[in-house]
């Protein structure tokens, strides 16, 4: 028995010495105030831009934590900020949404069904679940992005970011996600905060990790004006 145990140890040591690596794992990220992440994006519709996502606060709604998630998109010198109070992972409808275009005053969108439509483009932030990553897994892959080299899970998932977050049902929003038939490729790594994504490729655009940190503060400091109170001349 001792002889066979010794042979097994030698065999396993030989495998790892030959370059066999443990399987890469994926877990959904914990969202903490201050976490931020930035991507370089190449979009068919908008060209090159940068997008920064950040967690800048937490409130409690419906007996669970809701997060102030900010999405700042910059094209050239123009910037648009969406500040959204959302459930974890943005897997549900925003309770509040504040929008700021450049140096214009911040505006708060009316509460209600319409919030399920915004942000309108494919870069709405979204956390994929373990089973979604596992189901489409193609293998392990090492990628190099702006923050360094990562050994990632390479997977394919249904792209549901481009659709509205809720389903309009009469006068209410059913809080469930809607998937389309578009498939996207992801390279994910557990050391990346907030979304875990190092690279995202879709028929519409490509996102590559550029930077991340844990010192984010809100970009919208003024009191927003309710959209319904604005008078257009």
Protein backbone atom coordinates (compact mmCIF):
# COMPACT_ATOMS: atom_id res chain seq x y z
CA UNK A 1 0.00 0.00 0.00
CA UNK A 2 2.81 2.40 0.89
CA UNK A 3 4.42 1.69 -2.49
CA UNK A 4 1.22 2.58 -4.37
CA UNK A 5 0.77 5.77 -2.30
CA UNK A 6 4.30 6.82 -3.15
CA UNK A 7 3.71 6.17 -6.85
CA UNK A 8 0.50 8.26 -6.74
CA UNK A 9 2.30 11.20 -5.14
CA UNK A 10 5.09 10.96 -7.73
CA UNK A 11 2.51 10.80 -10.55
CA UNK A 12 0.60 13.88 -9.32
CA UNK A 13 3.83 15.80 -8.77
CA UNK A 14 4.83 14.96 -12.33
CA UNK A 15 1.55 16.31 -13.70
CA UNK A 16 1.92 19.65 -11.93
CA UNK A 17 5.61 19.85 -12.76
CA UNK A 18 4.72 19.35 -16.42
CA UNK A 19 2.56 22.43 -16.37
CA UNK A 20 -0.85 21.11 -15.29
CA UNK A 21 -2.67 23.96 -13.53
CA UNK A 22 -5.74 23.83 -11.28
CA UNK A 23 -9.02 24.71 -12.96
CA UNK A 24 -9.92 28.41 -12.87
CA UNK A 25 -13.05 29.17 -10.86
CA UNK A 26 -15.64 31.95 -10.99
CA UNK A 27 -17.69 33.49 -8.21
CA UNK A 28 -20.01 36.48 -8.31
CA UNK A 29 -18.30 39.60 -6.92
CA UNK A 30 -19.12 41.25 -3.62
CA UNK A 31 -20.13 44.88 -4.21
CA UNK A 32 -18.49 47.32 -1.80
CA UNK A 33 -18.72 51.10 -1.70
CA UNK A 34 -15.66 52.55 -3.41
CA UNK A 35 -15.18 49.75 -5.95
CA UNK A 36 -14.71 51.02 -9.49
CA UNK A 37 -13.64 49.60 -12.82
CA UNK A 38 -12.91 51.18 -16.21
CA UNK A 39 -12.99 49.74 -19.72
CA UNK A 40 -11.74 50.80 -23.13
CA UNK A 41 -14.59 50.20 -25.55
CA UNK A 42 -14.70 49.90 -29.32
CA UNK A 43 -18.32 50.15 -30.45
CA UNK A 44 -19.79 49.80 -33.95
CA UNK A 45 -22.30 52.53 -33.19
CA UNK A 46 -20.24 55.01 -31.12
CA UNK A 47 -16.62 54.20 -31.95
CA UNK A 48 -13.98 54.43 -29.23
CA UNK A 49 -14.91 55.47 -25.69
CA UNK A 50 -14.18 54.71 -22.06
CA UNK A 51 -16.75 53.50 -19.54
CA UNK A 52 -16.29 53.64 -15.78
CA UNK A 53 -18.54 51.78 -13.35
CA UNK A 54 -18.46 52.56 -9.63
CA UNK A 55 -20.32 51.70 -6.41
CA UNK A 56 -20.75 54.99 -4.51
CA UNK A 57 -23.35 54.16 -1.85
CA UNK A 58 -25.80 51.63 -0.38
CA UNK A 59 -29.43 52.05 0.72
CA UNK A 60 -31.90 49.50 2.04
CA UNK A 61 -35.10 48.97 0.05
CA UNK A 62 -37.64 46.14 0.15
CA UNK A 63 -35.62 44.62 2.98
CA UNK A 64 -32.45 44.21 0.93
CA UNK A 65 -29.42 46.30 -0.04
CA UNK A 66 -29.70 48.52 -3.10
CA UNK A 67 -26.54 50.03 -4.57
CA UNK A 68 -25.81 53.44 -6.06
CA UNK A 69 -24.12 52.29 -9.25
CA UNK A 70 -22.63 55.00 -11.48
CA UNK A 71 -21.87 54.49 -15.17
CA UNK A 72 -19.77 57.25 -16.74
CA UNK A 73 -19.29 57.08 -20.53
CA UNK A 74 -16.70 59.36 -22.13
CA UNK A 75 -16.28 59.97 -25.87
CA UNK A 76 -13.58 62.53 -26.59
CA UNK A 77 -14.27 65.30 -24.09
CA UNK A 78 -17.98 64.56 -23.70
CA UNK A 79 -19.21 62.61 -20.68
CA UNK A 80 -22.58 61.17 -19.69
CA UNK A 81 -23.18 59.87 -16.16
CA UNK A 82 -25.99 57.54 -15.11
CA UNK A 83 -26.34 57.27 -11.32
CA UNK A 84 -28.68 54.35 -10.59
CA UNK A 85 -30.09 52.85 -7.39
CA UNK A 86 -30.26 49.16 -8.32
CA UNK A 87 -30.45 45.70 -6.76
CA UNK A 88 -27.24 43.68 -6.64
CA UNK A 89 -25.89 42.83 -10.07
CA UNK A 90 -28.46 45.10 -11.74
CA UNK A 91 -30.62 42.00 -12.13
CA UNK A 92 -33.81 44.00 -11.63
CA UNK A 93 -35.33 47.42 -12.15
CA UNK A 94 -33.65 50.63 -10.92
CA UNK A 95 -35.54 52.38 -8.14
CA UNK A 96 -34.01 55.78 -8.97
CA UNK A 97 -31.96 57.13 -11.86
CA UNK A 98 -30.08 60.43 -12.14
CA UNK A 99 -28.50 61.51 -15.43
CA UNK A 100 -25.90 64.23 -16.04
CA UNK A 101 -24.71 65.33 -19.50
CA UNK A 102 -21.34 67.11 -19.40
CA UNK A 103 -21.60 70.31 -17.37
CA UNK A 104 -25.39 70.43 -17.52
CA UNK A 105 -27.37 70.18 -14.26
CA UNK A 106 -28.17 66.66 -13.09
CA UNK A 107 -31.71 65.48 -13.85
CA UNK A 108 -33.65 62.72 -12.07
CA UNK A 109 -35.81 60.50 -14.26
CA UNK A 110 -39.44 59.94 -13.21
CA UNK A 111 -39.94 56.82 -11.13
CA UNK A 112 -41.93 54.04 -12.71
CA UNK A 113 -41.93 51.59 -15.58
CA UNK A 114 -39.82 53.79 -17.85
CA UNK A 115 -36.69 53.20 -15.75
CA UNK A 116 -36.47 49.67 -17.12
CA UNK A 117 -35.39 51.13 -20.47
CA UNK A 118 -32.28 52.99 -19.26
CA UNK A 119 -29.35 53.10 -19.85
CA UNK A 120 -30.37 52.44 -23.42
CA UNK A 121 -27.19 50.98 -24.93
CA UNK A 122 -25.44 47.61 -24.62
CA UNK A 123 -23.06 48.78 -21.91
CA UNK A 124 -25.61 48.58 -19.10
CA UNK A 125 -23.60 46.93 -16.28
CA UNK A 126 -24.67 43.40 -15.36
CA UNK A 127 -23.28 40.61 -13.13
CA UNK A 128 -23.45 37.12 -14.58
CA UNK A 129 -24.22 34.21 -12.25
CA UNK A 130 -21.98 31.19 -11.69
CA UNK A 131 -24.32 28.86 -13.59
CA UNK A 132 -24.42 31.23 -16.58
CA UNK A 133 -20.61 31.30 -16.76
CA UNK A 134 -20.36 27.53 -16.25
CA UNK A 135 -22.95 26.63 -18.86
CA UNK A 136 -21.11 28.29 -21.73
CA UNK A 137 -17.52 27.66 -20.61
CA UNK A 138 -15.09 26.99 -23.45
CA UNK A 139 -11.91 26.65 -21.40
CA UNK A 140 -9.11 28.60 -19.73
CA UNK A 141 -7.27 31.43 -21.45
CA UNK A 142 -4.58 33.91 -20.45
CA UNK A 143 -5.26 37.48 -21.60
CA UNK A 144 -3.34 40.74 -21.29
CA UNK A 145 -5.23 43.99 -20.70
CA UNK A 146 -4.45 47.44 -19.31
CA UNK A 147 -4.04 46.22 -15.73
CA UNK A 148 -1.86 43.24 -16.53
CA UNK A 149 -2.12 39.54 -17.34
CA UNK A 150 -4.97 37.33 -16.13
CA UNK A 151 -5.69 33.64 -16.39
CA UNK A 152 -9.41 33.65 -17.14
CA UNK A 153 -12.40 31.47 -17.73
CA UNK A 154 -13.36 31.84 -21.38
CA UNK A 155 -17.11 31.45 -21.81
CA UNK A 156 -20.11 32.30 -23.97
CA UNK A 157 -23.32 33.73 -22.50
CA UNK A 158 -26.57 35.22 -23.76
CA UNK A 159 -26.27 39.00 -23.96
CA UNK A 160 -29.22 40.45 -22.07
CA UNK A 161 -27.67 43.85 -21.32
CA UNK A 162 -29.03 45.49 -24.44
CA UNK A 163 -32.66 44.79 -23.52
CA UNK A 164 -34.81 46.55 -20.96
CA UNK A 165 -34.31 45.28 -17.43
CA UNK A 166 -37.98 44.62 -16.78
CA UNK A 167 -40.96 43.48 -18.80
CA UNK A 168 -43.85 45.88 -19.22
CA UNK A 169 -46.99 44.09 -18.01
CA UNK A 170 -49.96 46.42 -18.04
CA UNK A 171 -49.08 49.33 -15.79
CA UNK A 172 -46.36 47.53 -13.82
CA UNK A 173 -42.86 46.15 -14.30
CA UNK A 174 -42.27 42.45 -13.84
CA UNK A 175 -38.82 42.24 -12.26
CA UNK A 176 -37.16 39.64 -14.42
CA UNK A 177 -34.53 39.73 -17.09
CA UNK A 178 -35.27 39.26 -20.78
CA UNK A 179 -32.75 37.46 -22.95
CA UNK A 180 -32.29 37.84 -26.67
CA UNK A 181 -30.50 35.46 -29.03
CA UNK A 182 -27.20 37.37 -29.13
CA UNK A 183 -24.23 35.41 -27.77
CA UNK A 184 -21.20 37.20 -26.35
CA UNK A 185 -17.76 35.99 -25.29
CA UNK A 186 -16.42 36.77 -21.82
CA UNK A 187 -13.02 36.36 -20.18
CA UNK A 188 -13.56 36.52 -16.41
CA UNK A 189 -11.24 36.44 -13.41
CA UNK A 190 -12.10 36.48 -9.68
CA UNK A 191 -9.49 39.13 -8.85
CA UNK A 192 -11.34 41.77 -10.89
CA UNK A 193 -13.88 43.73 -8.81
CA UNK A 194 -17.46 44.69 -9.56
CA UNK A 195 -18.07 42.74 -12.81
CA UNK A 196 -15.18 40.18 -12.92
CA UNK A 197 -14.83 40.86 -16.68
CA UNK A 198 -11.38 41.26 -18.27
CA UNK A 199 -12.62 41.20 -21.89
CA UNK A 200 -16.08 41.19 -23.44
CA UNK A 201 -16.67 40.64 -27.16
CA UNK A 202 -20.05 40.92 -28.87
CA UNK A 203 -21.25 41.60 -32.43
CA UNK A 204 -21.82 45.22 -31.30
CA UNK A 205 -18.65 46.07 -29.41
CA UNK A 206 -15.53 44.99 -27.54
CA UNK A 207 -14.62 45.96 -23.99
CA UNK A 208 -11.17 45.57 -22.42
CA UNK A 209 -10.24 46.21 -18.81
CA UNK A 210 -8.19 49.41 -18.45
CA UNK A 211 -8.09 50.15 -14.70
CA UNK A 212 -9.79 49.47 -11.37
CA UNK A 213 -9.62 50.55 -7.74
CA UNK A 214 -11.49 50.93 -4.47
CA UNK A 215 -11.62 54.69 -3.84
CA UNK A 216 -14.62 55.79 -5.89
CA UNK A 217 -16.83 58.71 -4.83
CA UNK A 218 -19.91 60.01 -6.59
CA UNK A 219 -19.44 62.15 -9.69
CA UNK A 220 -22.83 63.82 -9.12
CA UNK A 221 -22.70 66.01 -6.04
CA UNK A 222 -25.49 68.52 -6.75
CA UNK A 223 -29.16 67.97 -5.93
CA UNK A 224 -30.79 66.68 -9.13
CA UNK A 225 -33.75 68.43 -10.73
CA UNK A 226 -36.83 66.23 -11.31
CA UNK A 227 -37.34 65.85 -15.05
CA UNK A 228 -41.04 66.62 -14.79
CA UNK A 229 -40.37 70.06 -13.29
CA UNK A 230 -38.16 71.25 -16.16
CA UNK A 231 -39.79 73.80 -18.45
CA UNK A 232 -38.56 73.73 -22.05
CA UNK A 233 -38.69 77.06 -23.89
